[in-house]
Protein backbone atom coordinates (compact mmCIF):
# COMPACT_ATOMS: atom_id res chain seq x y z
CA UNK A 1 0.36 21.77 -25.06
CA UNK A 2 1.02 22.62 -21.58
CA UNK A 3 2.83 19.37 -18.87
CA UNK A 4 -0.16 20.65 -16.11
CA UNK A 5 -3.63 23.13 -16.85
CA UNK A 6 -3.24 26.56 -17.40
CA UNK A 7 -4.57 27.67 -14.70
CA UNK A 8 -4.84 31.21 -13.12
CA UNK A 9 -2.07 31.33 -10.55
CA UNK A 10 -1.72 28.40 -10.71
CA UNK A 11 -3.79 27.56 -8.20
CA UNK A 12 -5.60 24.02 -6.58
CA UNK A 13 -8.10 23.48 -7.06
CA UNK A 14 -11.25 20.83 -6.07
CA UNK A 15 -12.42 18.08 -9.54
CA UNK A 16 -16.40 18.71 -11.22
CA UNK A 17 -18.70 17.11 -9.03
CA UNK A 18 -20.13 13.79 -9.32
CA UNK A 19 -17.47 12.14 -10.24
CA UNK A 20 -15.95 8.75 -9.09
CA UNK A 21 -12.58 8.15 -7.42
CA UNK A 22 -11.29 6.77 -9.71
CA UNK A 23 -11.56 9.72 -12.29
CA UNK A 24 -10.46 13.04 -10.49
CA UNK A 25 -7.85 14.83 -12.12
CA UNK A 26 -9.96 14.01 -15.63
CA UNK A 27 -9.98 17.53 -16.18
CA UNK A 28 -8.41 18.43 -20.10
CA UNK A 29 -4.67 17.46 -21.22
CA UNK A 30 -5.14 14.48 -18.57
CA UNK A 31 -3.30 11.81 -20.44
CA UNK A 32 0.03 13.22 -21.44
CA UNK A 33 -0.51 14.93 -18.14
CA UNK A 34 -1.01 11.73 -16.26
CA UNK A 35 2.38 10.08 -18.58
CA UNK A 36 4.98 12.84 -16.93
CA UNK A 37 3.04 12.39 -13.54
CA UNK A 38 3.36 8.64 -13.77
CA UNK A 39 7.32 9.03 -14.82
CA UNK A 40 8.34 10.74 -12.16
CA UNK A 41 6.25 8.43 -9.64
CA UNK A 42 8.22 5.93 -10.81
CA UNK A 43 11.29 7.40 -10.71
CA UNK A 44 11.42 8.65 -6.63
CA UNK A 45 9.58 4.40 -6.16
CA UNK A 46 12.99 3.31 -8.63
CA UNK A 47 15.13 5.67 -6.78
CA UNK A 48 13.83 8.04 -4.02
CA UNK A 49 13.05 5.28 -1.97
CA UNK A 50 15.90 2.75 -2.17
CA UNK A 51 18.94 6.35 -1.21
CA UNK A 52 16.46 6.93 1.54
CA UNK A 53 16.94 3.38 2.45
CA UNK A 54 20.16 3.25 2.63
CA UNK A 55 20.92 6.77 4.09
CA UNK A 56 18.88 4.84 6.29
CA UNK A 57 20.44 2.25 7.22
CA UNK A 58 23.83 4.68 7.42
CA UNK A 59 22.25 5.87 10.45
CA UNK A 60 21.32 2.65 12.33
CA UNK A 61 25.26 1.76 11.19
CA UNK A 62 26.63 4.78 13.00
CA UNK A 63 23.98 4.24 16.36
CA UNK A 64 25.11 0.75 16.68
CA UNK A 65 28.86 1.81 16.36
CA UNK A 66 30.31 1.45 12.95
CA UNK A 67 32.31 -1.61 12.46
CA UNK A 68 32.24 -3.51 8.78
CA UNK A 69 29.54 -1.60 7.16
CA UNK A 70 29.23 -4.17 4.37
CA UNK A 71 28.26 -7.46 6.54
CA UNK A 72 25.26 -4.68 8.02
CA UNK A 73 24.40 -3.89 5.10
CA UNK A 74 23.38 -7.31 4.39
CA UNK A 75 21.98 -8.44 7.39
CA UNK A 76 20.02 -5.90 7.96
CA UNK A 77 18.66 -5.27 4.25
CA UNK A 78 17.88 -9.19 4.68
CA UNK A 79 15.79 -8.72 7.98
CA UNK A 80 18.60 -9.99 9.78
CA UNK A 81 18.44 -6.76 12.29
CA UNK A 82 15.60 -4.33 13.07
CA UNK A 83 16.39 -1.91 11.26
CA UNK A 84 16.89 -3.42 8.13
CA UNK A 85 12.60 -3.62 7.52
CA UNK A 86 12.60 -0.06 10.04
CA UNK A 87 14.64 1.41 6.50
CA UNK A 88 12.73 -0.03 4.24
CA UNK A 89 9.56 1.02 5.71
CA UNK A 90 10.51 4.66 6.22
CA UNK A 91 12.13 4.59 2.74
CA UNK A 92 8.47 3.59 1.57
CA UNK A 93 6.81 6.09 3.22
CA UNK A 94 8.63 8.72 1.24
CA UNK A 95 5.63 7.76 -1.49
CA UNK A 96 3.35 10.29 0.17
CA UNK A 97 4.56 13.77 0.43
CA UNK A 98 5.42 12.84 -2.87
CA UNK A 99 2.10 11.52 -3.95
CA UNK A 100 0.79 15.21 -2.46
CA UNK A 101 3.81 17.30 -4.70
CA UNK A 102 2.72 15.95 -7.79
CA UNK A 103 -1.06 15.50 -7.07
CA UNK A 104 -0.58 19.55 -5.86
CA UNK A 105 2.16 20.54 -8.79
CA UNK A 106 1.52 18.76 -11.69
CA UNK A 107 -1.67 18.41 -11.81
CA UNK A 108 -2.95 21.25 -10.15
CA UNK A 109 -5.57 19.58 -7.40
CA UNK A 110 -6.26 20.40 -3.87
CA UNK A 111 -3.40 17.08 -2.26
CA UNK A 112 -6.77 16.04 0.05
CA UNK A 113 -8.32 14.11 -2.66
CA UNK A 114 -5.63 12.03 -2.69
CA UNK A 115 -7.62 9.73 0.63
CA UNK A 116 -11.30 10.54 -0.32
CA UNK A 117 -13.94 12.51 -2.35
CA UNK A 118 -15.36 13.52 1.07
CA UNK A 119 -12.89 14.72 0.34
CA UNK A 120 -9.94 13.38 3.46
CA UNK A 121 -9.26 10.96 5.36
CA UNK A 122 -12.80 10.14 6.43
CA UNK A 123 -11.48 8.60 10.08
CA UNK A 124 -14.22 6.45 11.94
CA UNK A 125 -14.51 4.40 8.76
CA UNK A 126 -10.73 3.39 8.37
CA UNK A 127 -10.99 2.44 11.65
CA UNK A 128 -14.36 0.49 11.25
CA UNK A 129 -12.09 -1.47 8.28
CA UNK A 130 -9.82 -2.17 10.34
CA UNK A 131 -10.87 -3.87 13.47
CA UNK A 132 -13.10 -5.88 10.79
CA UNK A 133 -10.16 -6.97 9.30
CA UNK A 134 -8.12 -7.19 11.81
CA UNK A 135 -11.34 -9.95 12.83
CA UNK A 136 -11.75 -11.15 9.10
CA UNK A 137 -8.26 -11.80 7.87
CA UNK A 138 -7.64 -13.54 11.39
CA UNK A 139 -10.70 -15.52 11.38
CA UNK A 140 -9.78 -16.70 7.54
CA UNK A 141 -6.41 -17.12 8.39
CA UNK A 142 -6.79 -19.88 11.15
CA UNK A 143 -9.61 -21.50 9.57
CA UNK A 144 -6.84 -22.10 7.24
CA UNK A 145 -5.10 -23.56 9.81
CA UNK A 146 -7.69 -25.80 10.68
CA UNK A 147 -6.99 -27.41 7.08
CA UNK A 148 -3.50 -26.64 6.40
CA UNK A 149 -2.30 -27.13 9.93
CA UNK A 150 -0.98 -25.44 12.47
CA UNK A 151 2.54 -23.72 11.76
CA UNK A 152 5.28 -25.17 15.04
CA UNK A 153 5.24 -21.69 17.19
CA UNK A 154 8.16 -20.82 19.48
CA UNK A 155 9.77 -18.30 21.80
CA UNK A 156 10.39 -15.53 19.37
CA UNK A 157 12.68 -15.18 17.46
CA UNK A 158 15.98 -13.69 18.71
CA UNK A 159 15.51 -9.37 19.22
CA UNK A 160 11.45 -9.60 18.66
CA UNK A 161 10.60 -6.90 20.96
CA UNK A 162 13.53 -5.21 18.94
CA UNK A 163 11.47 -5.89 15.69
CA UNK A 164 7.80 -5.99 16.95
CA UNK A 165 8.36 -2.22 18.02
CA UNK A 166 9.99 -1.41 14.33
CA UNK A 167 7.39 -2.59 12.50
CA UNK A 168 4.43 -1.38 14.91
CA UNK A 169 5.93 1.50 14.11
CA UNK A 170 6.57 1.77 10.87
CA UNK A 171 5.55 -1.52 9.14
CA UNK A 172 1.56 1.38 9.38
CA UNK A 173 2.92 4.06 7.67
CA UNK A 174 4.82 1.28 4.59
CA UNK A 175 1.04 -0.33 3.84
CA UNK A 176 -0.53 3.88 3.81
CA UNK A 177 1.99 4.51 1.09
CA UNK A 178 1.64 1.73 -0.89
CA UNK A 179 -2.42 2.33 -0.47
CA UNK A 180 -1.87 5.74 -1.69
CA UNK A 181 1.23 5.48 -4.20
CA UNK A 182 -0.86 2.10 -6.43
CA UNK A 183 -4.50 3.22 -5.25
CA UNK A 184 -4.09 6.23 -4.87
CA UNK A 185 -2.01 8.24 -7.44
CA UNK A 186 -1.52 5.36 -10.34
CA UNK A 187 -5.36 4.90 -10.06
CA UNK A 188 -6.39 7.80 -10.78
CA UNK A 189 -4.13 9.15 -12.84
CA UNK A 190 -4.71 5.19 -15.09
CA UNK A 191 -8.60 6.26 -14.44
CA UNK A 192 -8.57 9.92 -14.97
CA UNK A 193 -6.14 9.43 -18.30
CA UNK A 194 -8.58 6.43 -19.44
CA UNK A 195 -11.93 7.60 -18.13
CA UNK A 196 -12.86 4.39 -17.62
CA UNK A 197 -12.87 3.22 -14.43
CA UNK A 198 -11.39 0.05 -14.30
CA UNK A 199 -9.46 0.35 -16.39
CA UNK A 200 -7.41 2.32 -13.40
CA UNK A 201 -8.16 -0.33 -11.14
CA UNK A 202 -6.66 -3.92 -13.33
CA UNK A 203 -4.10 -1.28 -14.69
CA UNK A 204 -2.57 0.35 -10.63
CA UNK A 205 -3.16 -3.58 -9.60
CA UNK A 206 -1.34 -5.29 -12.20
CA UNK A 207 1.90 -2.60 -11.23
CA UNK A 208 1.25 -3.54 -7.78
CA UNK A 209 2.25 -6.78 -8.67
CA UNK A 210 4.38 -7.34 -11.07
CA UNK A 211 6.75 -4.55 -9.22
CA UNK A 212 6.69 -7.12 -5.93
CA UNK A 213 9.49 -8.88 -7.74
CA UNK A 214 10.73 -11.74 -7.78
CA UNK A 215 7.51 -14.84 -7.15
CA UNK A 216 5.84 -17.86 -8.33
CA UNK A 217 2.17 -17.56 -10.64
CA UNK A 218 0.30 -18.68 -7.73
CA UNK A 219 2.51 -15.74 -5.55
CA UNK A 220 2.08 -13.31 -7.79
CA UNK A 221 -1.84 -14.03 -8.38
CA UNK A 222 -2.16 -13.47 -4.41
CA UNK A 223 -0.89 -10.32 -5.19
CA UNK A 224 -2.86 -9.18 -8.69
CA UNK A 225 -6.31 -10.03 -6.59
CA UNK A 226 -5.74 -8.04 -3.62
CA UNK A 227 -5.45 -5.21 -6.43
CA UNK A 228 -7.17 -5.71 -7.90
CA UNK A 229 -9.92 -6.24 -4.34
CA UNK A 230 -8.87 -2.97 -2.99
CA UNK A 231 -8.93 -0.95 -6.24
CA UNK A 232 -12.42 -2.50 -6.35
CA UNK A 233 -12.84 -0.75 -2.84
CA UNK A 234 -11.41 2.53 -3.43
CA UNK A 235 -13.69 3.00 -6.46
CA UNK A 236 -16.61 1.40 -4.81
CA UNK A 237 -16.12 3.44 -1.13
CA UNK A 238 -15.29 6.89 -2.82
CA UNK A 239 -11.27 6.72 -0.71
CA UNK A 240 -8.63 4.47 0.56
CA UNK A 241 -9.54 3.71 3.42
CA UNK A 242 -10.85 -0.63 2.76
CA UNK A 243 -8.20 -0.76 1.43
CA UNK A 244 -5.58 0.63 3.51
CA UNK A 245 -7.04 -1.71 6.59
CA UNK A 246 -6.59 -4.49 5.11
CA UNK A 247 -3.15 -3.84 4.38
CA UNK A 248 -2.29 -2.91 7.40
CA UNK A 249 -3.60 -5.70 9.00
CA UNK A 250 -2.11 -8.06 6.00
CA UNK A 251 1.83 -6.70 6.98
CA UNK A 252 1.13 -6.87 10.61
CA UNK A 253 0.11 -10.72 11.11
CA UNK A 254 2.43 -11.83 8.72
CA UNK A 255 5.68 -10.16 10.10
CA UNK A 256 3.82 -10.74 13.67
CA UNK A 257 3.47 -14.50 13.04
CA UNK A 258 6.97 -14.44 10.88
CA UNK A 259 8.63 -13.55 14.37
CA UNK A 260 6.84 -16.39 16.32
CA UNK A 261 7.03 -19.74 14.05
CA UNK A 262 9.54 -18.44 11.14
CA UNK A 263 11.66 -15.38 11.46
CA UNK A 264 11.23 -11.99 9.39
CA UNK A 265 14.13 -13.14 7.88
CA UNK A 266 12.17 -15.95 6.39
CA UNK A 267 9.84 -14.26 5.70
CA UNK A 268 12.21 -10.91 3.33
CA UNK A 269 13.40 -14.14 0.86
CA UNK A 270 9.44 -15.30 0.57
CA UNK A 271 8.82 -15.82 -3.26
CA UNK A 272 6.28 -18.27 -3.78
CA UNK A 273 4.15 -19.99 -1.90
CA UNK A 274 1.42 -22.72 -2.49
CA UNK A 275 -2.21 -22.02 -4.37
CA UNK A 276 -3.77 -23.66 -1.52
CA UNK A 277 -2.39 -21.09 0.45
CA UNK A 278 -3.26 -17.88 -1.99
CA UNK A 279 -6.39 -19.22 -2.88
CA UNK A 280 -6.32 -18.96 1.68
CA UNK A 281 -6.05 -15.67 0.99
CA UNK A 282 -7.93 -14.01 -1.70
CA UNK A 283 -10.82 -15.36 0.19
CA UNK A 284 -9.76 -13.63 3.48
CA UNK A 285 -8.96 -10.11 1.24
CA UNK A 286 -12.83 -11.09 -1.06
CA UNK A 287 -14.98 -11.21 2.36
CA UNK A 288 -13.72 -8.67 3.52
CA UNK A 289 -13.95 -6.87 0.81
CA UNK A 290 -17.60 -7.41 0.87
CA UNK A 291 -17.96 -6.82 4.85
CA UNK A 292 -15.60 -3.54 3.59
CA UNK A 293 -18.59 -2.07 1.22
CA UNK A 294 -21.05 -2.84 3.74
CA UNK A 295 -19.91 -0.54 6.30
CA UNK A 296 -19.53 1.96 3.76
CA UNK A 297 -22.82 1.33 2.87
CA UNK A 298 -24.02 1.33 6.12
CA UNK A 299 -22.00 4.35 7.76
CA UNK A 300 -22.99 6.33 4.32
CA UNK A 301 -19.55 6.99 2.83
CA UNK A 302 -19.11 9.45 0.49
CA UNK A 303 -18.84 7.88 -3.62
CA UNK A 304 -18.71 10.82 -5.65
CA UNK A 305 -17.76 14.26 -5.13
CA UNK A 306 -19.97 16.68 -3.45
């Protein structure tokens, strides 16, 4: 059996009408195609991302005028220099074209179906969920401060303006790329191969949590539940917008607060959190999930292919 569906001229097609986002890639031979696609996607994640990050650090090193590259690389990779998060974020952003190419040339489906079942990005819904995420996630965070104690704020870590610029420019790209990779491509391939939406949602969430590396059970649960909520929103709203909004706001808030309470280097090194912190974060994601679903209903976003 061919790894890709045999279509005249290899032209991309649209999915059947009336199917949900997780099943958009479901076609004859979907299981074999999904397995090969997942292998290519993980290869890009494991090989391409580190290579791009290393190349970008080389550029940053040259811009700084040279010196000891090993020391520079250690400091940047630990987020002690602003080039560190910028290189990591932009390297992850490379996963977006990887996914689009896989969908187009392996699955032979038009890449616009990665964004939503409209198809394409529903910009009004994305903007609405960004605003709601900014309000709700920060409100829950400050409610947790009222219960758990407000962290000690300082004037900002050394060089915080440069860090802030780098984060504002690159972090949204990184968050969007992770959603496209996990809640987009992996959810669609797993869901389409199995023929079951819930398998795609759960499978992509488990992989998302595992690939975050060393973490204690509370931090793993926090990431797993975020993946489950974001995946459920994809299935319920027919697109990636709500998950992207929550991911962007969550990451920007984490970096922003870290700059003025601890440092990005300390945030980078976090491998464990307490269960009460995890519970507050999960509550914020759940509240946002309900709000994003309700907004989607009010805006009548498409949940099935036309």
